[in-house]
Amino acid sequence: MIVPFPSVDAASANLGRGMRNVREARGVSLDRLASETHLDARRIALAEQGRSPLNSAELHAVINALHIPLGLLFDPSVDLTRLRRL
């Protein structure tokens, strides 16, 4: 059986949803994340909406600011209530 890869749009949407979920579970506002990553808040919001994917440097800045491994953004089974608030 051939399993198709998800489209870029679907992958961006999933990543964005994961980013927003983790950010909110950590208690980090969009403005605070923007300040800590030196990214524009609108840029992060568009990424969270799956409308504009982050490049690797931007994504690295986000996961460092949230103190999480990259894989956490892709795993919907993670219990986000167990994340410590920042």
N, C-alpha and C. Protein backbone atom coordinates (compact mmCIF):
# COMPACT_ATOMS: atom_id res chain seq x y z
N MET A 1 0.84 -1.17 0.00
CA MET A 1 0.00 0.00 0.00
C MET A 1 0.89 1.24 0.00
N ILE A 2 0.56 2.19 -0.81
CA ILE A 2 1.30 3.45 -0.89
C ILE A 2 0.62 4.46 0.02
N VAL A 3 1.42 5.05 0.91
CA VAL A 3 0.90 6.07 1.81
C VAL A 3 1.43 7.41 1.32
N PRO A 4 0.55 8.33 0.92
CA PRO A 4 1.03 9.61 0.41
C PRO A 4 1.58 10.48 1.53
N PHE A 5 2.57 11.29 1.18
CA PHE A 5 3.07 12.27 2.12
C PHE A 5 2.03 13.36 2.27
N PRO A 6 1.93 13.96 3.46
CA PRO A 6 0.99 15.08 3.60
C PRO A 6 1.45 16.25 2.75
N SER A 7 0.52 17.03 2.30
CA SER A 7 0.88 18.20 1.49
C SER A 7 1.63 19.20 2.36
N VAL A 8 2.32 20.11 1.71
CA VAL A 8 3.03 21.16 2.43
C VAL A 8 2.05 21.97 3.25
N ASP A 9 0.88 22.25 2.68
CA ASP A 9 -0.13 23.02 3.41
C ASP A 9 -0.59 22.28 4.66
N ALA A 10 -0.82 20.98 4.55
CA ALA A 10 -1.26 20.19 5.70
C ALA A 10 -0.16 20.14 6.76
N ALA A 11 1.07 19.97 6.32
CA ALA A 11 2.19 19.93 7.27
C ALA A 11 2.34 21.27 7.98
N SER A 12 2.21 22.36 7.25
CA SER A 12 2.30 23.70 7.86
C SER A 12 1.18 23.92 8.86
N ALA A 13 -0.01 23.48 8.50
CA ALA A 13 -1.15 23.63 9.40
C ALA A 13 -0.95 22.83 10.67
N ASN A 14 -0.45 21.58 10.55
CA ASN A 14 -0.21 20.75 11.72
C ASN A 14 0.88 21.34 12.61
N LEU A 15 1.94 21.80 12.00
CA LEU A 15 3.03 22.40 12.76
C LEU A 15 2.54 23.67 13.46
N GLY A 16 1.80 24.49 12.74
CA GLY A 16 1.27 25.73 13.32
C GLY A 16 0.35 25.46 14.49
N ARG A 17 -0.51 24.47 14.34
CA ARG A 17 -1.43 24.10 15.42
C ARG A 17 -0.63 23.62 16.64
N GLY A 18 0.40 22.82 16.39
CA GLY A 18 1.25 22.36 17.48
C GLY A 18 1.96 23.51 18.17
N MET A 19 2.45 24.46 17.39
CA MET A 19 3.12 25.63 17.97
C MET A 19 2.18 26.40 18.89
N ARG A 20 0.98 26.68 18.40
CA ARG A 20 0.01 27.43 19.19
C ARG A 20 -0.37 26.66 20.46
N ASN A 21 -0.61 25.37 20.33
CA ASN A 21 -1.00 24.57 21.49
C ASN A 21 0.08 24.55 22.56
N VAL A 22 1.32 24.37 22.14
CA VAL A 22 2.43 24.35 23.10
C VAL A 22 2.64 25.74 23.71
N ARG A 23 2.59 26.76 22.88
CA ARG A 23 2.77 28.14 23.39
C ARG A 23 1.72 28.45 24.45
N GLU A 24 0.47 28.11 24.16
CA GLU A 24 -0.60 28.39 25.13
C GLU A 24 -0.46 27.53 26.38
N ALA A 25 -0.07 26.27 26.21
CA ALA A 25 0.13 25.40 27.38
C ALA A 25 1.25 25.91 28.27
N ARG A 26 2.24 26.53 27.66
CA ARG A 26 3.36 27.10 28.40
C ARG A 26 3.00 28.45 29.02
N GLY A 27 1.86 29.01 28.64
CA GLY A 27 1.45 30.31 29.18
C GLY A 27 2.22 31.47 28.58
N VAL A 28 2.67 31.29 27.35
CA VAL A 28 3.47 32.32 26.68
C VAL A 28 2.58 33.06 25.68
N SER A 29 2.53 34.37 25.79
CA SER A 29 1.73 35.16 24.86
C SER A 29 2.44 35.25 23.51
N LEU A 30 1.69 35.59 22.50
CA LEU A 30 2.26 35.77 21.17
C LEU A 30 3.31 36.88 21.19
N ASP A 31 3.02 37.97 21.90
CA ASP A 31 3.97 39.08 21.98
C ASP A 31 5.25 38.68 22.71
N ARG A 32 5.11 37.90 23.76
CA ARG A 32 6.30 37.45 24.49
C ARG A 32 7.16 36.54 23.62
N LEU A 33 6.52 35.60 22.90
CA LEU A 33 7.28 34.71 22.03
C LEU A 33 7.98 35.53 20.94
N ALA A 34 7.28 36.51 20.40
CA ALA A 34 7.88 37.36 19.37
C ALA A 34 9.11 38.08 19.93
N SER A 35 8.99 38.59 21.13
CA SER A 35 10.11 39.31 21.75
C SER A 35 11.30 38.38 21.99
N GLU A 36 11.02 37.17 22.47
CA GLU A 36 12.10 36.23 22.80
C GLU A 36 12.76 35.63 21.56
N THR A 37 12.05 35.59 20.44
CA THR A 37 12.60 35.00 19.21
C THR A 37 13.09 36.05 18.23
N HIS A 38 12.80 37.31 18.51
CA HIS A 38 13.13 38.42 17.61
C HIS A 38 12.40 38.27 16.27
N LEU A 39 11.21 37.67 16.33
CA LEU A 39 10.34 37.56 15.16
C LEU A 39 9.15 38.48 15.35
N ASP A 40 8.55 38.88 14.27
CA ASP A 40 7.36 39.70 14.34
C ASP A 40 6.19 38.84 14.81
N ALA A 41 5.35 39.38 15.68
CA ALA A 41 4.20 38.63 16.19
C ALA A 41 3.27 38.21 15.06
N ARG A 42 3.12 39.05 14.04
CA ARG A 42 2.27 38.67 12.90
C ARG A 42 2.86 37.48 12.16
N ARG A 43 4.18 37.42 12.09
CA ARG A 43 4.86 36.29 11.43
C ARG A 43 4.55 34.99 12.15
N ILE A 44 4.62 35.03 13.48
CA ILE A 44 4.32 33.84 14.28
C ILE A 44 2.85 33.48 14.15
N ALA A 45 1.97 34.47 14.19
CA ALA A 45 0.53 34.20 14.07
C ALA A 45 0.21 33.54 12.74
N LEU A 46 0.81 34.01 11.66
CA LEU A 46 0.58 33.39 10.35
C LEU A 46 1.08 31.95 10.33
N ALA A 47 2.21 31.71 10.98
CA ALA A 47 2.74 30.35 11.04
C ALA A 47 1.81 29.45 11.86
N GLU A 48 1.30 29.97 12.97
CA GLU A 48 0.38 29.20 13.80
C GLU A 48 -0.92 28.87 13.07
N GLN A 49 -1.31 29.74 12.16
CA GLN A 49 -2.52 29.51 11.37
C GLN A 49 -2.25 28.61 10.17
N GLY A 50 -0.99 28.25 9.96
CA GLY A 50 -0.63 27.40 8.83
C GLY A 50 -0.63 28.13 7.51
N ARG A 51 -0.60 29.46 7.56
CA ARG A 51 -0.67 30.26 6.34
C ARG A 51 0.70 30.65 5.80
N SER A 52 1.74 30.56 6.64
CA SER A 52 3.08 30.94 6.20
C SER A 52 4.10 30.16 7.03
N PRO A 53 4.69 29.10 6.47
CA PRO A 53 5.60 28.27 7.26
C PRO A 53 6.86 29.02 7.68
N LEU A 54 7.37 28.66 8.84
CA LEU A 54 8.63 29.23 9.32
C LEU A 54 9.79 28.57 8.61
N ASN A 55 10.86 29.33 8.42
CA ASN A 55 12.08 28.70 7.91
C ASN A 55 12.78 28.01 9.08
N SER A 56 13.84 27.29 8.81
CA SER A 56 14.48 26.49 9.85
C SER A 56 15.05 27.34 10.98
N ALA A 57 15.59 28.50 10.67
CA ALA A 57 16.14 29.37 11.71
C ALA A 57 15.03 29.91 12.61
N GLU A 58 13.91 30.28 12.01
CA GLU A 58 12.78 30.78 12.79
C GLU A 58 12.20 29.68 13.68
N LEU A 59 12.06 28.49 13.13
CA LEU A 59 11.54 27.36 13.89
C LEU A 59 12.48 27.02 15.05
N HIS A 60 13.77 27.05 14.79
CA HIS A 60 14.76 26.81 15.84
C HIS A 60 14.60 27.84 16.97
N ALA A 61 14.41 29.10 16.61
CA ALA A 61 14.23 30.15 17.62
C ALA A 61 12.98 29.89 18.46
N VAL A 62 11.90 29.44 17.82
CA VAL A 62 10.65 29.17 18.54
C VAL A 62 10.82 28.01 19.52
N ILE A 63 11.39 26.90 19.06
CA ILE A 63 11.51 25.76 19.97
C ILE A 63 12.48 26.06 21.11
N ASN A 64 13.48 26.87 20.86
CA ASN A 64 14.40 27.26 21.93
C ASN A 64 13.69 28.16 22.94
N ALA A 65 12.89 29.09 22.46
CA ALA A 65 12.17 30.00 23.37
C ALA A 65 11.13 29.24 24.20
N LEU A 66 10.54 28.20 23.62
CA LEU A 66 9.54 27.41 24.35
C LEU A 66 10.16 26.27 25.16
N HIS A 67 11.47 26.06 24.99
CA HIS A 67 12.21 25.02 25.72
C HIS A 67 11.60 23.64 25.49
N ILE A 68 11.45 23.29 24.21
CA ILE A 68 10.87 22.00 23.85
C ILE A 68 11.68 21.37 22.72
N PRO A 69 11.58 20.04 22.58
CA PRO A 69 12.17 19.41 21.40
C PRO A 69 11.25 19.61 20.20
N LEU A 70 11.80 19.65 19.04
CA LEU A 70 11.03 19.87 17.82
C LEU A 70 9.89 18.87 17.67
N GLY A 71 10.14 17.62 17.98
CA GLY A 71 9.14 16.58 17.79
C GLY A 71 7.85 16.82 18.55
N LEU A 72 7.92 17.57 19.64
CA LEU A 72 6.72 17.85 20.43
C LEU A 72 5.66 18.59 19.62
N LEU A 73 6.09 19.40 18.66
CA LEU A 73 5.15 20.16 17.84
C LEU A 73 4.36 19.27 16.89
N PHE A 74 4.88 18.09 16.61
CA PHE A 74 4.25 17.20 15.64
C PHE A 74 3.46 16.07 16.29
N ASP A 75 3.50 15.96 17.60
CA ASP A 75 2.89 14.82 18.28
C ASP A 75 1.59 15.23 18.98
N PRO A 76 0.44 14.96 18.35
CA PRO A 76 -0.84 15.36 18.95
C PRO A 76 -1.20 14.54 20.19
N SER A 77 -0.49 13.44 20.44
CA SER A 77 -0.81 12.60 21.60
C SER A 77 -0.18 13.09 22.90
N VAL A 78 0.67 14.10 22.82
CA VAL A 78 1.34 14.61 24.02
C VAL A 78 0.33 15.31 24.92
N ASP A 79 0.40 15.00 26.21
CA ASP A 79 -0.47 15.63 27.20
C ASP A 79 0.11 17.00 27.54
N LEU A 80 -0.43 18.03 26.91
CA LEU A 80 0.12 19.38 27.09
C LEU A 80 -0.15 19.94 28.48
N THR A 81 -1.08 19.35 29.20
CA THR A 81 -1.35 19.85 30.55
C THR A 81 -0.18 19.56 31.48
N ARG A 82 0.72 18.67 31.07
CA ARG A 82 1.88 18.33 31.89
C ARG A 82 3.05 19.28 31.64
N LEU A 83 2.93 20.17 30.65
CA LEU A 83 4.02 21.11 30.39
C LEU A 83 4.04 22.18 31.48
N ARG A 84 5.22 22.49 31.91
CA ARG A 84 5.40 23.55 32.91
C ARG A 84 5.21 24.90 32.24
N ARG A 85 4.50 25.78 32.92
CA ARG A 85 4.31 27.13 32.39
C ARG A 85 5.62 27.91 32.54
N LEU A 86 5.91 28.74 31.56
CA LEU A 86 7.14 29.55 31.59
C LEU A 86 6.85 30.93 32.13
